[in-house]
Amino acid sequence: MCDASHPAWVEKRQAPGTGNSPQSYTQNNYQFLDNITIVRGAHVFKFGTEWRHWIAPTDFLPRSRGEWDYTSLQTLIDDRVPDGFNGALRGAGSGTFSGNQDGIYWFVQDDWKVAP
């Protein structure tokens, strides 16, 4: 039996945006690299290395604005406590963190030319 106050189905609706909004980051990239080429007879040796440093202050706190789950629109209109599956979820903390990273890359190559 199904009556109007307790629907047998649940319809999920969400306001514009997501539970992960707002979020932001800035990324500054610093790079140092050096390549060397040495020719010895029929060989051409190439060596290289690269270092990258990313400075990326980030602001990301899931559900910072809260996520409210109501089983019906009337519960929301009546300003009652969220009674849906998730109830009321809210992120805790500041959400800011340092997303800094370093990367080191290198290569070694030998081009060998066979005599013509």
C-alpha atoms as a PDB file:
ATOM      1  CA  MET A   1       0.000   0.000   0.000  1.00  0.00           C
ATOM      2  CA  CYS A   2       1.273   3.472  -0.836  1.00  0.00           C
ATOM      3  CA  ASP A   3      -0.075   6.753   0.472  1.00  0.00           C
ATOM      4  CA  ALA A   4       0.940  10.298  -0.494  1.00  0.00           C
ATOM      5  CA  SER A   5       2.727  11.078   2.787  1.00  0.00           C
ATOM      6  CA  HIS A   6       5.157   8.147   2.368  1.00  0.00           C
ATOM      7  CA  PRO A   7       6.073   7.772  -1.323  1.00  0.00           C
ATOM      8  CA  ALA A   8       7.345   4.390  -2.469  1.00  0.00           C
ATOM      9  CA  TRP A   9      10.048   6.079  -4.577  1.00  0.00           C
ATOM     10  CA  VAL A  10      12.592   8.753  -3.822  1.00  0.00           C
ATOM     11  CA  GLU A  11      13.362  11.593  -6.215  1.00  0.00           C
ATOM     12  CA  LYS A  12      16.835  13.102  -5.900  1.00  0.00           C
ATOM     13  CA  ARG A  13      17.181  16.814  -6.680  1.00  0.00           C
ATOM     14  CA  GLN A  14      20.185  19.019  -6.153  1.00  0.00           C
ATOM     15  CA  ALA A  15      20.639  22.764  -6.168  1.00  0.00           C
ATOM     16  CA  PRO A  16      23.097  24.193  -8.720  1.00  0.00           C
ATOM     17  CA  GLY A  17      26.721  23.471  -7.903  1.00  0.00           C
ATOM     18  CA  THR A  18      28.069  20.451  -6.109  1.00  0.00           C
ATOM     19  CA  GLY A  19      28.865  19.436  -2.563  1.00  0.00           C
ATOM     20  CA  ASN A  20      32.522  20.095  -3.397  1.00  0.00           C
ATOM     21  CA  SER A  21      32.042  23.796  -4.172  1.00  0.00           C
ATOM     22  CA  PRO A  22      33.659  26.227  -3.652  1.00  0.00           C
ATOM     23  CA  GLN A  23      37.259  25.253  -4.293  1.00  0.00           C
ATOM     24  CA  SER A  24      40.289  27.081  -5.602  1.00  0.00           C
ATOM     25  CA  TYR A  25      44.028  26.806  -6.102  1.00  0.00           C
ATOM     26  CA  THR A  26      46.955  28.772  -7.462  1.00  0.00           C
ATOM     27  CA  GLN A  27      49.904  27.051  -9.039  1.00  0.00           C
ATOM     28  CA  ASN A  28      53.383  28.518  -9.487  1.00  0.00           C
ATOM     29  CA  ASN A  29      55.857  26.394 -11.456  1.00  0.00           C
ATOM     30  CA  TYR A  30      59.637  26.598 -11.142  1.00  0.00           C
ATOM     31  CA  GLN A  31      61.863  24.593 -13.460  1.00  0.00           C
ATOM     32  CA  PHE A  32      65.577  23.939 -13.786  1.00  0.00           C
ATOM     33  CA  LEU A  33      66.996  21.741 -16.530  1.00  0.00           C
ATOM     34  CA  ASP A  34      70.290  20.995 -18.184  1.00  0.00           C
ATOM     35  CA  ASN A  35      71.173  18.857 -21.202  1.00  0.00           C
ATOM     36  CA  ILE A  36      74.650  17.803 -22.333  1.00  0.00           C
ATOM     37  CA  THR A  37      75.697  16.393 -25.712  1.00  0.00           C
ATOM     38  CA  ILE A  38      79.056  14.676 -26.266  1.00  0.00           C
ATOM     39  CA  VAL A  39      80.245  13.467 -29.691  1.00  0.00           C
ATOM     40  CA  ARG A  40      82.809  10.627 -29.663  1.00  0.00           C
ATOM     41  CA  GLY A  41      83.489   8.933 -32.984  1.00  0.00           C
ATOM     42  CA  ALA A  42      80.327   7.246 -34.268  1.00  0.00           C
ATOM     43  CA  HIS A  43      78.479   7.900 -30.981  1.00  0.00           C
ATOM     44  CA  VAL A  44      76.483  10.929 -29.888  1.00  0.00           C
ATOM     45  CA  PHE A  45      75.806  10.748 -26.144  1.00  0.00           C
ATOM     46  CA  LYS A  46      73.057  12.869 -24.672  1.00  0.00           C
ATOM     47  CA  PHE A  47      72.313  13.298 -20.976  1.00  0.00           C
ATOM     48  CA  GLY A  48      69.762  15.460 -19.309  1.00  0.00           C
ATOM     49  CA  THR A  49      68.069  16.181 -16.026  1.00  0.00           C
ATOM     50  CA  GLU A  50      65.156  18.353 -14.954  1.00  0.00           C
ATOM     51  CA  TRP A  51      63.789  19.477 -11.609  1.00  0.00           C
ATOM     52  CA  ARG A  52      60.321  20.997 -11.238  1.00  0.00           C
ATOM     53  CA  HIS A  53      58.870  22.575  -8.118  1.00  0.00           C
ATOM     54  CA  TRP A  54      55.171  23.379  -7.881  1.00  0.00           C
ATOM     55  CA  ILE A  55      53.922  25.757  -5.196  1.00  0.00           C
ATOM     56  CA  ALA A  56      50.164  25.277  -5.037  1.00  0.00           C
ATOM     57  CA  PRO A  57      48.220  26.693  -2.089  1.00  0.00           C
ATOM     58  CA  THR A  58      44.803  25.033  -2.263  1.00  0.00           C
ATOM     59  CA  ASP A  59      41.386  25.560  -0.684  1.00  0.00           C
ATOM     60  CA  PHE A  60      39.251  22.422  -0.838  1.00  0.00           C
ATOM     61  CA  LEU A  61      36.803  21.279   1.811  1.00  0.00           C
ATOM     62  CA  PRO A  62      34.088  18.889   0.615  1.00  0.00           C
ATOM     63  CA  ARG A  63      30.609  19.852   1.821  1.00  0.00           C
ATOM     64  CA  SER A  64      31.846  23.186   3.226  1.00  0.00           C
ATOM     65  CA  ARG A  65      28.389  24.658   2.577  1.00  0.00           C
ATOM     66  CA  GLY A  66      26.663  21.570   3.885  1.00  0.00           C
ATOM     67  CA  GLU A  67      24.614  18.860   2.254  1.00  0.00           C
ATOM     68  CA  TRP A  68      21.016  18.539   3.364  1.00  0.00           C
ATOM     69  CA  ASP A  69      18.922  15.479   2.505  1.00  0.00           C
ATOM     70  CA  TYR A  70      15.128  15.685   2.871  1.00  0.00           C
ATOM     71  CA  THR A  71      12.656  12.933   2.050  1.00  0.00           C
ATOM     72  CA  SER A  72      10.076  15.458   0.871  1.00  0.00           C
ATOM     73  CA  LEU A  73       9.816  19.063  -0.214  1.00  0.00           C
ATOM     74  CA  GLN A  74       7.326  19.679   2.597  1.00  0.00           C
ATOM     75  CA  THR A  75       9.962  18.789   5.230  1.00  0.00           C
ATOM     76  CA  LEU A  76      12.208  21.480   3.748  1.00  0.00           C
ATOM     77  CA  ILE A  77       9.384  24.051   3.581  1.00  0.00           C
ATOM     78  CA  ASP A  78       8.432  23.338   7.202  1.00  0.00           C
ATOM     79  CA  ASP A  79      12.082  23.953   8.155  1.00  0.00           C
ATOM     80  CA  ARG A  80      12.353  20.601   9.887  1.00  0.00           C
ATOM     81  CA  VAL A  81      15.489  18.600  10.578  1.00  0.00           C
ATOM     82  CA  PRO A  82      16.725  16.827   7.406  1.00  0.00           C
ATOM     83  CA  ASP A  83      15.325  13.282   7.521  1.00  0.00           C
ATOM     84  CA  GLY A  84      16.751  11.792   4.350  1.00  0.00           C
ATOM     85  CA  PHE A  85      19.297   9.010   4.028  1.00  0.00           C
ATOM     86  CA  ASN A  86      22.310  11.308   4.647  1.00  0.00           C
ATOM     87  CA  GLY A  87      20.540  13.763   6.943  1.00  0.00           C
ATOM     88  CA  ALA A  88      22.766  16.798   7.279  1.00  0.00           C
ATOM     89  CA  LEU A  89      26.452  16.579   6.396  1.00  0.00           C
ATOM     90  CA  ARG A  90      28.920  19.417   6.777  1.00  0.00           C
ATOM     91  CA  GLY A  91      32.665  19.535   6.204  1.00  0.00           C
ATOM     92  CA  ALA A  92      34.808  20.449   9.207  1.00  0.00           C
ATOM     93  CA  GLY A  93      38.037  22.406   9.254  1.00  0.00           C
ATOM     94  CA  SER A  94      39.509  25.182   7.156  1.00  0.00           C
ATOM     95  CA  GLY A  95      40.082  23.286   3.912  1.00  0.00           C
ATOM     96  CA  THR A  96      43.303  25.134   3.102  1.00  0.00           C
ATOM     97  CA  PHE A  97      46.451  23.112   2.574  1.00  0.00           C
ATOM     98  CA  SER A  98      49.764  23.267   0.770  1.00  0.00           C
ATOM     99  CA  GLY A  99      49.645  21.248  -2.447  1.00  0.00           C
ATOM    100  CA  ASN A 100      53.368  21.692  -3.131  1.00  0.00           C
ATOM    101  CA  GLN A 101      55.140  19.009  -5.151  1.00  0.00           C
ATOM    102  CA  ASP A 102      58.552  18.274  -6.628  1.00  0.00           C
ATOM    103  CA  GLY A 103      59.428  16.266  -9.717  1.00  0.00           C
ATOM    104  CA  ILE A 104      62.819  15.006 -10.894  1.00  0.00           C
ATOM    105  CA  TYR A 105      63.291  13.660 -14.425  1.00  0.00           C
ATOM    106  CA  TRP A 106      66.337  12.462 -16.351  1.00  0.00           C
ATOM    107  CA  PHE A 107      67.368  10.721 -19.562  1.00  0.00           C
ATOM    108  CA  VAL A 108      70.395   9.059 -21.146  1.00  0.00           C
ATOM    109  CA  GLN A 109      70.656   8.499 -24.903  1.00  0.00           C
ATOM    110  CA  ASP A 110      73.259   7.097 -27.275  1.00  0.00           C
ATOM    111  CA  ASP A 111      72.877   7.665 -31.010  1.00  0.00           C
ATOM    112  CA  TRP A 112      75.222   5.285 -32.804  1.00  0.00           C
ATOM    113  CA  LYS A 113      75.834   5.837 -36.487  1.00  0.00           C
ATOM    114  CA  VAL A 114      77.017   2.799 -38.419  1.00  0.00           C
ATOM    115  CA  ALA A 115      79.700   3.639 -40.981  1.00  0.00           C
ATOM    116  CA  PRO A 116      78.246   4.299 -44.476  1.00  0.00           C
END
